[in-house]
């Protein structure tokens, strides 16, 4: 149709206009749906031609060992892996899913990841991720790791912290002013031993304080891998009548606001640790 002849076909022009409006609306809707699928935004340099890095690719970065296979953001085979993200994980800010396994497992094999952000030190950029994963055993592990990027190769830099649920698992993590802040779940046993050896005693080997993967008492507050304090989660452990260590421990944490989810700074936390060691551990 020649330009300038639109006036002769008002109905045609109207239909074209409606079509364009519908197309733009649908496109916007699809973009919105895609944006809602992802709970975080990866930096452009970490995006692949297949979209965000598939969670399965992060299996190579799990565990505490230093030797880990790098990830080629253009050529690694795992980049083509497709599986629907777990809905509950998305609501918690993670991309991930359960993986099929032909072997009998205590729990489903799974891998989830969350991008925390970057830290820049000594002219180097570190990409911080939180991983949640299970190999199919009884444990469910979480960890903070730092990765580096060079020529499309994402490599493991260091294991920052983590553990199995209450054994040092990650509760939360965020980067503020180029500093990584995070919380580590702690059992009563771990809480007493955390940080510097304030007053090493042989009795540590015979502690009767709660120390299991579901015995969380609170969170160790961390800043760049240094302890800044402790936050209680409101739980007071159950104690057998003859477990004097646990009864004593419970009494002291109550007096320090444990039931009200009190937060202790490092000085207050160290003072409480010393008091527990001197008053309860030697019982």
Protein backbone atom coordinates (compact mmCIF):
# COMPACT_ATOMS: atom_id res chain seq x y z
CA UNK A 1 0.00 0.00 0.00
CA UNK A 2 1.36 3.42 -0.99
CA UNK A 3 2.06 5.92 1.74
CA UNK A 4 -0.41 8.75 1.88
CA UNK A 5 -3.39 6.51 0.98
CA UNK A 6 -4.26 5.56 4.61
CA UNK A 7 -7.28 7.90 4.43
CA UNK A 8 -8.92 5.63 1.87
CA UNK A 9 -8.82 2.62 4.21
CA UNK A 10 -9.79 3.80 7.72
CA UNK A 11 -10.91 0.28 8.81
CA UNK A 12 -7.64 -1.29 7.73
CA UNK A 13 -5.65 1.40 9.51
CA UNK A 14 -7.66 0.80 12.70
CA UNK A 15 -7.02 -2.94 12.61
CA UNK A 16 -3.28 -2.42 12.16
CA UNK A 17 -3.22 0.00 15.09
CA UNK A 18 -5.06 -2.48 17.33
CA UNK A 19 -2.71 -5.28 16.28
CA UNK A 20 0.36 -3.19 17.15
CA UNK A 21 -1.07 -2.27 20.56
CA UNK A 22 -1.88 -5.92 21.33
CA UNK A 23 1.57 -7.05 20.25
CA UNK A 24 3.29 -4.49 22.46
CA UNK A 25 1.06 -5.39 25.41
CA UNK A 26 1.76 -9.10 25.03
CA UNK A 27 5.50 -8.46 24.68
CA UNK A 28 5.49 -6.40 27.85
CA UNK A 29 3.52 -9.12 29.61
CA UNK A 30 5.98 -11.81 28.57
CA UNK A 31 8.89 -9.69 29.74
CA UNK A 32 7.16 -9.17 33.07
CA UNK A 33 6.52 -12.88 33.48
CA UNK A 34 10.18 -13.63 32.72
CA UNK A 35 11.35 -10.98 35.18
CA UNK A 36 9.08 -12.43 37.88
CA UNK A 37 10.59 -15.88 37.36
CA UNK A 38 14.00 -14.75 38.56
CA UNK A 39 14.34 -13.60 42.18
CA UNK A 40 17.65 -11.86 41.44
CA UNK A 41 19.48 -10.38 38.47
CA UNK A 42 22.80 -11.79 37.39
CA UNK A 43 25.42 -9.39 36.02
CA UNK A 44 25.48 -9.34 32.22
CA UNK A 45 28.91 -10.95 32.15
CA UNK A 46 27.50 -14.02 33.96
CA UNK A 47 24.55 -14.49 31.62
CA UNK A 48 24.87 -17.22 29.00
CA UNK A 49 23.31 -17.65 25.55
CA UNK A 50 20.89 -20.06 27.26
CA UNK A 51 19.91 -17.54 29.95
CA UNK A 52 20.92 -17.56 33.64
CA UNK A 53 23.50 -20.15 34.67
CA UNK A 54 21.59 -23.43 35.24
CA UNK A 55 21.71 -24.48 38.92
CA UNK A 56 23.08 -27.91 37.96
CA UNK A 57 26.28 -26.16 36.83
CA UNK A 58 26.97 -25.16 40.44
CA UNK A 59 27.34 -28.77 41.61
CA UNK A 60 31.03 -28.47 40.67
CA UNK A 61 31.44 -25.71 43.29
CA UNK A 62 29.90 -27.58 46.25
CA UNK A 63 31.93 -28.91 49.18
CA UNK A 64 34.85 -27.39 51.03
CA UNK A 65 37.71 -28.59 48.85
CA UNK A 66 39.76 -26.08 46.88
CA UNK A 67 40.17 -28.03 43.64
CA UNK A 68 37.04 -27.52 41.61
CA UNK A 69 36.35 -27.65 37.89
CA UNK A 70 35.90 -24.19 36.31
CA UNK A 71 32.75 -23.30 34.37
CA UNK A 72 33.05 -22.13 30.76
CA UNK A 73 30.11 -19.77 30.28
CA UNK A 74 30.10 -20.46 26.55
CA UNK A 75 31.04 -24.11 26.12
CA UNK A 76 30.25 -26.14 29.28
CA UNK A 77 27.70 -28.87 28.52
CA UNK A 78 25.64 -28.15 31.66
CA UNK A 79 24.59 -24.77 30.22
CA UNK A 80 22.06 -26.55 27.98
CA UNK A 81 20.35 -28.28 30.91
CA UNK A 82 16.70 -27.28 31.30
CA UNK A 83 14.37 -27.97 34.21
CA UNK A 84 11.57 -26.02 35.81
CA UNK A 85 12.67 -24.09 38.89
CA UNK A 86 11.34 -25.15 42.28
CA UNK A 87 8.54 -22.72 43.22
CA UNK A 88 9.21 -22.61 46.96
CA UNK A 89 12.90 -21.98 46.27
CA UNK A 90 12.02 -19.05 44.00
CA UNK A 91 9.97 -17.57 46.84
CA UNK A 92 13.06 -17.79 49.06
CA UNK A 93 15.20 -16.07 46.43
CA UNK A 94 16.92 -19.14 44.96
CA UNK A 95 17.10 -20.79 41.55
CA UNK A 96 17.15 -24.56 41.79
CA UNK A 97 15.46 -27.93 41.60
CA UNK A 98 15.57 -31.55 42.70
CA UNK A 99 17.56 -33.91 40.49
CA UNK A 100 16.68 -37.45 39.47
CA UNK A 101 18.79 -40.24 40.92
CA UNK A 102 18.72 -43.95 40.12
CA UNK A 103 20.12 -44.87 43.54
CA UNK A 104 18.01 -45.04 46.73
CA UNK A 105 18.48 -41.84 48.73
CA UNK A 106 17.51 -40.60 52.20
CA UNK A 107 16.46 -37.28 50.67
CA UNK A 108 16.23 -35.94 47.14
CA UNK A 109 19.42 -34.83 45.44
CA UNK A 110 19.06 -31.09 44.90
CA UNK A 111 20.97 -27.93 44.03
CA UNK A 112 19.94 -24.29 44.54
CA UNK A 113 21.84 -21.04 44.24
CA UNK A 114 21.40 -17.36 45.03
CA UNK A 115 23.55 -14.54 43.69
CA UNK A 116 24.57 -12.23 46.53
CA UNK A 117 26.68 -9.63 44.68
CA UNK A 118 30.30 -8.64 44.14
CA UNK A 119 33.15 -7.54 46.37
CA UNK A 120 36.11 -5.70 44.92
CA UNK A 121 39.50 -5.92 46.61
CA UNK A 122 43.02 -5.42 45.28
CA UNK A 123 41.61 -4.57 41.85
CA UNK A 124 39.91 -7.96 41.66
CA UNK A 125 36.19 -8.68 41.52
CA UNK A 126 34.79 -11.58 43.52
CA UNK A 127 31.31 -12.91 42.71
CA UNK A 128 29.58 -14.15 45.87
CA UNK A 129 27.01 -16.95 45.74
CA UNK A 130 25.07 -18.88 48.33
CA UNK A 131 24.60 -22.57 47.52
CA UNK A 132 22.07 -24.96 49.06
CA UNK A 133 22.45 -28.60 48.13
CA UNK A 134 21.95 -32.22 49.10
CA UNK A 135 23.80 -35.22 47.75
CA UNK A 136 20.99 -37.52 48.81
CA UNK A 137 22.19 -38.29 52.34
CA UNK A 138 20.70 -37.01 55.59
CA UNK A 139 22.40 -33.62 55.35
CA UNK A 140 21.26 -30.44 53.62
CA UNK A 141 24.22 -28.13 53.17
CA UNK A 142 24.49 -24.41 52.58
CA UNK A 143 27.61 -22.42 51.85
CA UNK A 144 28.98 -19.08 50.74
CA UNK A 145 31.56 -19.17 47.97
CA UNK A 146 33.53 -16.62 45.99
CA UNK A 147 34.07 -17.08 42.25
CA UNK A 148 36.25 -15.17 39.78
CA UNK A 149 35.71 -14.50 36.08
CA UNK A 150 38.28 -14.27 33.30
CA UNK A 151 37.71 -14.75 29.55
CA UNK A 152 34.25 -16.29 30.12
CA UNK A 153 35.70 -18.81 32.59
CA UNK A 154 34.04 -18.78 36.02
CA UNK A 155 36.49 -20.24 38.54
CA UNK A 156 36.36 -21.13 42.22
CA UNK A 157 38.25 -18.63 44.38
CA UNK A 158 37.45 -19.65 47.93
CA UNK A 159 35.03 -21.31 50.32
CA UNK A 160 33.89 -18.64 52.77
CA UNK A 161 31.63 -20.45 55.24
CA UNK A 162 28.85 -23.00 55.56
CA UNK A 163 27.69 -26.30 56.96
CA UNK A 164 24.86 -28.77 57.44
CA UNK A 165 21.79 -26.97 58.84
CA UNK A 166 22.54 -25.99 62.49
CA UNK A 167 26.18 -27.02 62.02
CA UNK A 168 27.17 -23.64 60.58
CA UNK A 169 24.58 -23.43 57.79
CA UNK A 170 23.91 -20.06 56.17
CA UNK A 171 20.89 -18.19 57.55
CA UNK A 172 21.25 -15.00 55.48
CA UNK A 173 23.86 -13.04 53.55
CA UNK A 174 24.17 -9.59 51.99
CA UNK A 175 26.86 -7.21 50.76
CA UNK A 176 26.94 -3.70 52.21
CA UNK A 177 29.60 -1.13 51.28
CA UNK A 178 31.75 -3.82 49.65
CA UNK A 179 31.65 -5.96 52.80
CA UNK A 180 29.98 -9.37 53.11
CA UNK A 181 27.68 -9.72 56.12
CA UNK A 182 26.13 -13.08 56.98
CA UNK A 183 24.68 -15.28 59.72
CA UNK A 184 25.73 -18.83 60.57
CA UNK A 185 23.35 -21.19 62.36
CA UNK A 186 24.77 -22.53 65.61
CA UNK A 187 24.11 -25.32 68.09
CA UNK A 188 24.71 -24.64 71.82
CA UNK A 189 27.94 -26.62 71.59
CA UNK A 190 29.18 -24.62 68.60
CA UNK A 191 28.15 -21.32 70.20
CA UNK A 192 30.43 -21.98 73.18
CA UNK A 193 33.40 -22.96 71.01
CA UNK A 194 32.98 -20.25 68.35
CA UNK A 195 35.78 -17.80 67.65
CA UNK A 196 39.03 -17.43 69.53
CA UNK A 197 39.82 -20.04 72.14
CA UNK A 198 38.84 -17.84 75.07
CA UNK A 199 39.71 -20.38 77.72
CA UNK A 200 40.59 -23.76 76.26
CA UNK A 201 39.64 -26.55 78.63
CA UNK A 202 39.87 -30.30 78.24
CA UNK A 203 36.20 -30.48 79.22
CA UNK A 204 35.30 -29.38 75.67
CA UNK A 205 35.74 -33.00 74.64
CA UNK A 206 33.03 -34.07 77.10
CA UNK A 207 30.47 -31.33 76.49
CA UNK A 208 26.90 -32.44 77.05
CA UNK A 209 25.34 -29.38 75.39
CA UNK A 210 22.96 -29.91 72.47
CA UNK A 211 24.88 -30.48 69.25
CA UNK A 212 22.75 -31.82 66.42
CA UNK A 213 21.81 -30.69 62.91
CA UNK A 214 18.38 -29.49 64.07
CA UNK A 215 19.45 -28.04 67.43
CA UNK A 216 19.74 -24.38 66.41
CA UNK A 217 20.12 -21.92 69.27
CA UNK A 218 20.83 -18.83 67.17
CA UNK A 219 23.19 -17.25 64.68
CA UNK A 220 26.82 -16.24 64.69
CA UNK A 221 27.00 -12.76 63.16
CA UNK A 222 29.81 -12.42 60.64
CA UNK A 223 31.44 -9.57 58.76
CA UNK A 224 34.18 -10.43 56.25
CA UNK A 225 34.76 -13.76 57.99
CA UNK A 226 35.11 -12.12 61.43
CA UNK A 227 32.68 -12.59 64.30
CA UNK A 228 30.79 -9.42 65.23
CA UNK A 229 28.28 -10.88 67.68
CA UNK A 230 25.53 -13.42 68.24
CA UNK A 231 21.75 -13.40 67.75
CA UNK A 232 19.46 -15.82 69.59
CA UNK A 233 16.52 -17.38 67.74
CA UNK A 234 14.19 -17.57 70.75
CA UNK A 235 14.77 -21.29 71.41
CA UNK A 236 15.62 -22.62 74.86
CA UNK A 237 16.93 -26.20 74.55
CA UNK A 238 15.25 -29.02 76.43
CA UNK A 239 17.43 -30.46 79.18
CA UNK A 240 17.37 -33.72 81.09
CA UNK A 241 17.25 -33.25 84.90
CA UNK A 242 20.73 -34.77 85.26
CA UNK A 243 22.36 -32.71 82.47
CA UNK A 244 23.79 -29.99 84.67
CA UNK A 245 25.79 -28.40 81.83
CA UNK A 246 22.69 -27.86 79.70
CA UNK A 247 20.59 -26.63 82.64
CA UNK A 248 23.32 -24.15 83.57
CA UNK A 249 23.70 -23.06 79.93
CA UNK A 250 19.94 -22.52 79.62
CA UNK A 251 19.87 -20.38 82.73
CA UNK A 252 22.68 -18.13 81.49
CA UNK A 253 21.30 -17.59 78.00
CA UNK A 254 17.88 -16.77 79.47
CA UNK A 255 19.47 -14.05 81.58
CA UNK A 256 21.04 -12.72 78.37
CA UNK A 257 17.72 -12.36 76.54
CA UNK A 258 17.63 -15.62 74.56
CA UNK A 259 13.85 -15.98 74.80
CA UNK A 260 13.41 -12.49 73.34
CA UNK A 261 15.79 -13.17 70.42
CA UNK A 262 18.35 -10.76 71.81
CA UNK A 263 21.36 -9.69 69.76
CA UNK A 264 24.75 -9.52 71.51
CA UNK A 265 27.68 -7.53 70.20
CA UNK A 266 31.11 -9.17 70.17
CA UNK A 267 32.05 -7.95 73.65
CA UNK A 268 28.78 -9.19 75.17
CA UNK A 269 29.07 -12.48 73.32
CA UNK A 270 32.63 -13.11 74.51
CA UNK A 271 31.58 -12.30 78.06
CA UNK A 272 28.73 -14.83 77.88
CA UNK A 273 31.05 -17.48 76.42
CA UNK A 274 33.53 -16.99 79.28
CA UNK A 275 30.74 -17.18 81.82
CA UNK A 276 29.38 -20.42 80.34
CA UNK A 277 32.85 -21.96 80.26
CA UNK A 278 33.76 -20.98 83.81
CA UNK A 279 30.34 -21.67 85.34
CA UNK A 280 28.84 -24.56 83.38
CA UNK A 281 31.45 -26.54 81.48
CA UNK A 282 33.43 -27.61 84.52
CA UNK A 283 30.36 -29.03 86.27
